Amino acid sequence: MGIIIALLLNSLAVFVTAYILPGIHLKDYWTALVVAVVLGVINTFIRPIILILTLPINILTLGLFTFVILGGLVLLVSSIVPGFVVDGFWWALAFALVLSLINSFIHSITYRF
């Protein structure tokens, strides 16, 4: 039951983030649910591999290259999920950052009780 609640909260965060940022276009809430699932799968399986492969450049940039990876992963999700359109790399980067902030806020409220 906890996984379903976390998934619904993540999709709510995706929906709110797409509403806030004008460069992100989302069809409806069901698309936000699919984006949350695909983003979760990509962050679970693909992101660690990419982080390990880019470790030298990540060390040289003191971790700032991680933001480039996050933006690229959001662009990957936008190419996979129909109804989720990102206008460019900078909007993808902004989406990743705002999504993490909104997710942190939502989870801090819900898991406090």
C-alpha atoms as a PDB file:
ATOM      1  CA  MET A   1       0.000   0.000   0.000  1.00  0.00           C
ATOM      2  CA  GLY A   2       2.916   2.335   0.706  1.00  0.00           C
ATOM      3  CA  ILE A   3       4.222   1.987  -2.840  1.00  0.00           C
ATOM      4  CA  ILE A   4       0.883   3.067  -4.287  1.00  0.00           C
ATOM      5  CA  ILE A   5       0.730   6.113  -2.017  1.00  0.00           C
ATOM      6  CA  ALA A   6       4.310   7.057  -2.887  1.00  0.00           C
ATOM      7  CA  LEU A   7       3.520   6.671  -6.585  1.00  0.00           C
ATOM      8  CA  LEU A   8       0.436   8.877  -6.293  1.00  0.00           C
ATOM      9  CA  LEU A   9       2.408  11.502  -4.384  1.00  0.00           C
ATOM     10  CA  ASN A  10       5.183  11.436  -6.992  1.00  0.00           C
ATOM     11  CA  SER A  11       2.659  11.833  -9.795  1.00  0.00           C
ATOM     12  CA  LEU A  12       1.117  14.752  -7.898  1.00  0.00           C
ATOM     13  CA  ALA A  13       4.574  16.325  -7.685  1.00  0.00           C
ATOM     14  CA  VAL A  14       5.058  15.820 -11.453  1.00  0.00           C
ATOM     15  CA  PHE A  15       1.658  17.404 -12.132  1.00  0.00           C
ATOM     16  CA  VAL A  16       2.374  20.431  -9.905  1.00  0.00           C
ATOM     17  CA  THR A  17       5.842  20.890 -11.379  1.00  0.00           C
ATOM     18  CA  ALA A  18       4.477  20.814 -14.925  1.00  0.00           C
ATOM     19  CA  TYR A  19       1.856  23.362 -13.904  1.00  0.00           C
ATOM     20  CA  ILE A  20       4.489  25.707 -12.434  1.00  0.00           C
ATOM     21  CA  LEU A  21       7.000  25.584 -15.310  1.00  0.00           C
ATOM     22  CA  PRO A  22       5.813  26.988 -18.659  1.00  0.00           C
ATOM     23  CA  GLY A  23       8.321  24.943 -20.689  1.00  0.00           C
ATOM     24  CA  ILE A  24       6.827  21.630 -19.540  1.00  0.00           C
ATOM     25  CA  HIS A  25       3.620  20.424 -21.177  1.00  0.00           C
ATOM     26  CA  LEU A  26       1.602  17.631 -19.623  1.00  0.00           C
ATOM     27  CA  LYS A  27      -1.601  16.224 -21.101  1.00  0.00           C
ATOM     28  CA  ASP A  28      -3.431  15.145 -17.923  1.00  0.00           C
ATOM     29  CA  TYR A  29      -2.986  13.524 -14.520  1.00  0.00           C
ATOM     30  CA  TRP A  30      -2.760  10.017 -16.011  1.00  0.00           C
ATOM     31  CA  THR A  31       0.194  11.170 -18.071  1.00  0.00           C
ATOM     32  CA  ALA A  32       1.761  12.483 -14.851  1.00  0.00           C
ATOM     33  CA  LEU A  33       1.264   9.037 -13.332  1.00  0.00           C
ATOM     34  CA  VAL A  34       3.032   7.400 -16.296  1.00  0.00           C
ATOM     35  CA  VAL A  35       5.835   9.993 -16.113  1.00  0.00           C
ATOM     36  CA  ALA A  36       6.307   9.230 -12.409  1.00  0.00           C
ATOM     37  CA  VAL A  37       6.531   5.498 -13.102  1.00  0.00           C
ATOM     38  CA  VAL A  38       8.934   5.846 -16.046  1.00  0.00           C
ATOM     39  CA  LEU A  39      11.075   8.389 -14.197  1.00  0.00           C
ATOM     40  CA  GLY A  40      11.233   6.061 -11.196  1.00  0.00           C
ATOM     41  CA  VAL A  41      12.295   3.103 -13.342  1.00  0.00           C
ATOM     42  CA  ILE A  42      14.927   5.166 -15.162  1.00  0.00           C
ATOM     43  CA  ASN A  43      16.264   6.585 -11.892  1.00  0.00           C
ATOM     44  CA  THR A  44      16.451   3.078 -10.449  1.00  0.00           C
ATOM     45  CA  PHE A  45      18.187   1.273 -13.293  1.00  0.00           C
ATOM     46  CA  ILE A  46      19.812   3.709 -15.725  1.00  0.00           C
ATOM     47  CA  ARG A  47      20.927   6.601 -13.516  1.00  0.00           C
ATOM     48  CA  PRO A  48      23.410   4.600 -11.372  1.00  0.00           C
ATOM     49  CA  ILE A  49      25.080   3.192 -14.474  1.00  0.00           C
ATOM     50  CA  ILE A  50      25.428   6.650 -16.017  1.00  0.00           C
ATOM     51  CA  LEU A  51      26.758   8.084 -12.755  1.00  0.00           C
ATOM     52  CA  ILE A  52      29.433   5.397 -12.557  1.00  0.00           C
ATOM     53  CA  LEU A  53      30.429   5.866 -16.203  1.00  0.00           C
ATOM     54  CA  THR A  54      30.725   9.637 -15.806  1.00  0.00           C
ATOM     55  CA  LEU A  55      32.453   9.538 -12.430  1.00  0.00           C
ATOM     56  CA  PRO A  56      35.731  11.156 -13.610  1.00  0.00           C
ATOM     57  CA  ILE A  57      34.002  14.183 -15.145  1.00  0.00           C
ATOM     58  CA  ASN A  58      31.701  14.361 -12.152  1.00  0.00           C
ATOM     59  CA  ILE A  59      34.705  14.548  -9.849  1.00  0.00           C
ATOM     60  CA  LEU A  60      36.331  17.220 -12.025  1.00  0.00           C
ATOM     61  CA  THR A  61      33.190  19.370 -11.935  1.00  0.00           C
ATOM     62  CA  LEU A  62      32.673  18.752  -8.200  1.00  0.00           C
ATOM     63  CA  GLY A  63      29.371  17.009  -8.804  1.00  0.00           C
ATOM     64  CA  LEU A  64      27.803  19.625 -11.061  1.00  0.00           C
ATOM     65  CA  PHE A  65      27.726  17.223 -14.009  1.00  0.00           C
ATOM     66  CA  THR A  66      25.028  15.325 -12.120  1.00  0.00           C
ATOM     67  CA  PHE A  67      22.629  18.128 -13.070  1.00  0.00           C
ATOM     68  CA  VAL A  68      23.415  17.533 -16.743  1.00  0.00           C
ATOM     69  CA  ILE A  69      22.633  13.849 -16.246  1.00  0.00           C
ATOM     70  CA  LEU A  70      19.321  14.685 -14.548  1.00  0.00           C
ATOM     71  CA  GLY A  71      18.322  16.963 -17.417  1.00  0.00           C
ATOM     72  CA  GLY A  72      19.211  14.276 -19.933  1.00  0.00           C
ATOM     73  CA  LEU A  73      17.147  11.693 -18.093  1.00  0.00           C
ATOM     74  CA  VAL A  74      14.121  14.004 -18.069  1.00  0.00           C
ATOM     75  CA  LEU A  75      14.568  14.495 -21.830  1.00  0.00           C
ATOM     76  CA  LEU A  76      14.709  10.708 -22.182  1.00  0.00           C
ATOM     77  CA  VAL A  77      11.427  10.388 -20.288  1.00  0.00           C
ATOM     78  CA  SER A  78       9.844  13.042 -22.503  1.00  0.00           C
ATOM     79  CA  SER A  79      10.840  11.086 -25.589  1.00  0.00           C
ATOM     80  CA  ILE A  80       9.355   7.873 -24.167  1.00  0.00           C
ATOM     81  CA  VAL A  81       6.052   9.122 -22.700  1.00  0.00           C
ATOM     82  CA  PRO A  82       3.491  10.548 -25.127  1.00  0.00           C
ATOM     83  CA  GLY A  83       1.730  13.626 -23.778  1.00  0.00           C
ATOM     84  CA  PHE A  84       4.794  14.814 -21.844  1.00  0.00           C
ATOM     85  CA  VAL A  85       6.728  17.458 -23.767  1.00  0.00           C
ATOM     86  CA  VAL A  86       9.802  19.346 -22.583  1.00  0.00           C
ATOM     87  CA  ASP A  87      10.792  22.419 -24.616  1.00  0.00           C
ATOM     88  CA  GLY A  88      14.537  22.036 -24.157  1.00  0.00           C
ATOM     89  CA  PHE A  89      17.421  20.974 -21.987  1.00  0.00           C
ATOM     90  CA  TRP A  90      17.195  23.938 -19.617  1.00  0.00           C
ATOM     91  CA  TRP A  91      13.510  23.268 -18.996  1.00  0.00           C
ATOM     92  CA  ALA A  92      14.362  19.615 -18.340  1.00  0.00           C
ATOM     93  CA  LEU A  93      16.989  20.693 -15.835  1.00  0.00           C
ATOM     94  CA  ALA A  94      14.556  23.095 -14.167  1.00  0.00           C
ATOM     95  CA  PHE A  95      11.924  20.334 -14.091  1.00  0.00           C
ATOM     96  CA  ALA A  96      14.318  17.957 -12.334  1.00  0.00           C
ATOM     97  CA  LEU A  97      15.292  20.544  -9.730  1.00  0.00           C
ATOM     98  CA  VAL A  98      11.758  21.796  -9.016  1.00  0.00           C
ATOM     99  CA  LEU A  99      10.442  18.221  -8.947  1.00  0.00           C
ATOM    100  CA  SER A 100      12.976  17.251  -6.309  1.00  0.00           C
ATOM    101  CA  LEU A 101      12.034  20.273  -4.191  1.00  0.00           C
ATOM    102  CA  ILE A 102       8.299  19.575  -4.451  1.00  0.00           C
ATOM    103  CA  ASN A 103       8.844  15.862  -3.755  1.00  0.00           C
ATOM    104  CA  SER A 104      10.861  16.723  -0.649  1.00  0.00           C
ATOM    105  CA  PHE A 105       8.135  19.067   0.553  1.00  0.00           C
ATOM    106  CA  ILE A 106       5.301  16.587  -0.060  1.00  0.00           C
ATOM    107  CA  HIS A 107       7.143  13.687   1.570  1.00  0.00           C
ATOM    108  CA  SER A 108       8.143  15.766   4.584  1.00  0.00           C
ATOM    109  CA  ILE A 109       4.487  16.615   5.180  1.00  0.00           C
ATOM    110  CA  THR A 110       3.075  13.135   4.617  1.00  0.00           C
ATOM    111  CA  TYR A 111       5.688  11.044   6.389  1.00  0.00           C
ATOM    112  CA  ARG A 112       5.785  13.220   9.480  1.00  0.00           C
ATOM    113  CA  PHE A 113       2.601  11.630  10.806  1.00  0.00           C
END
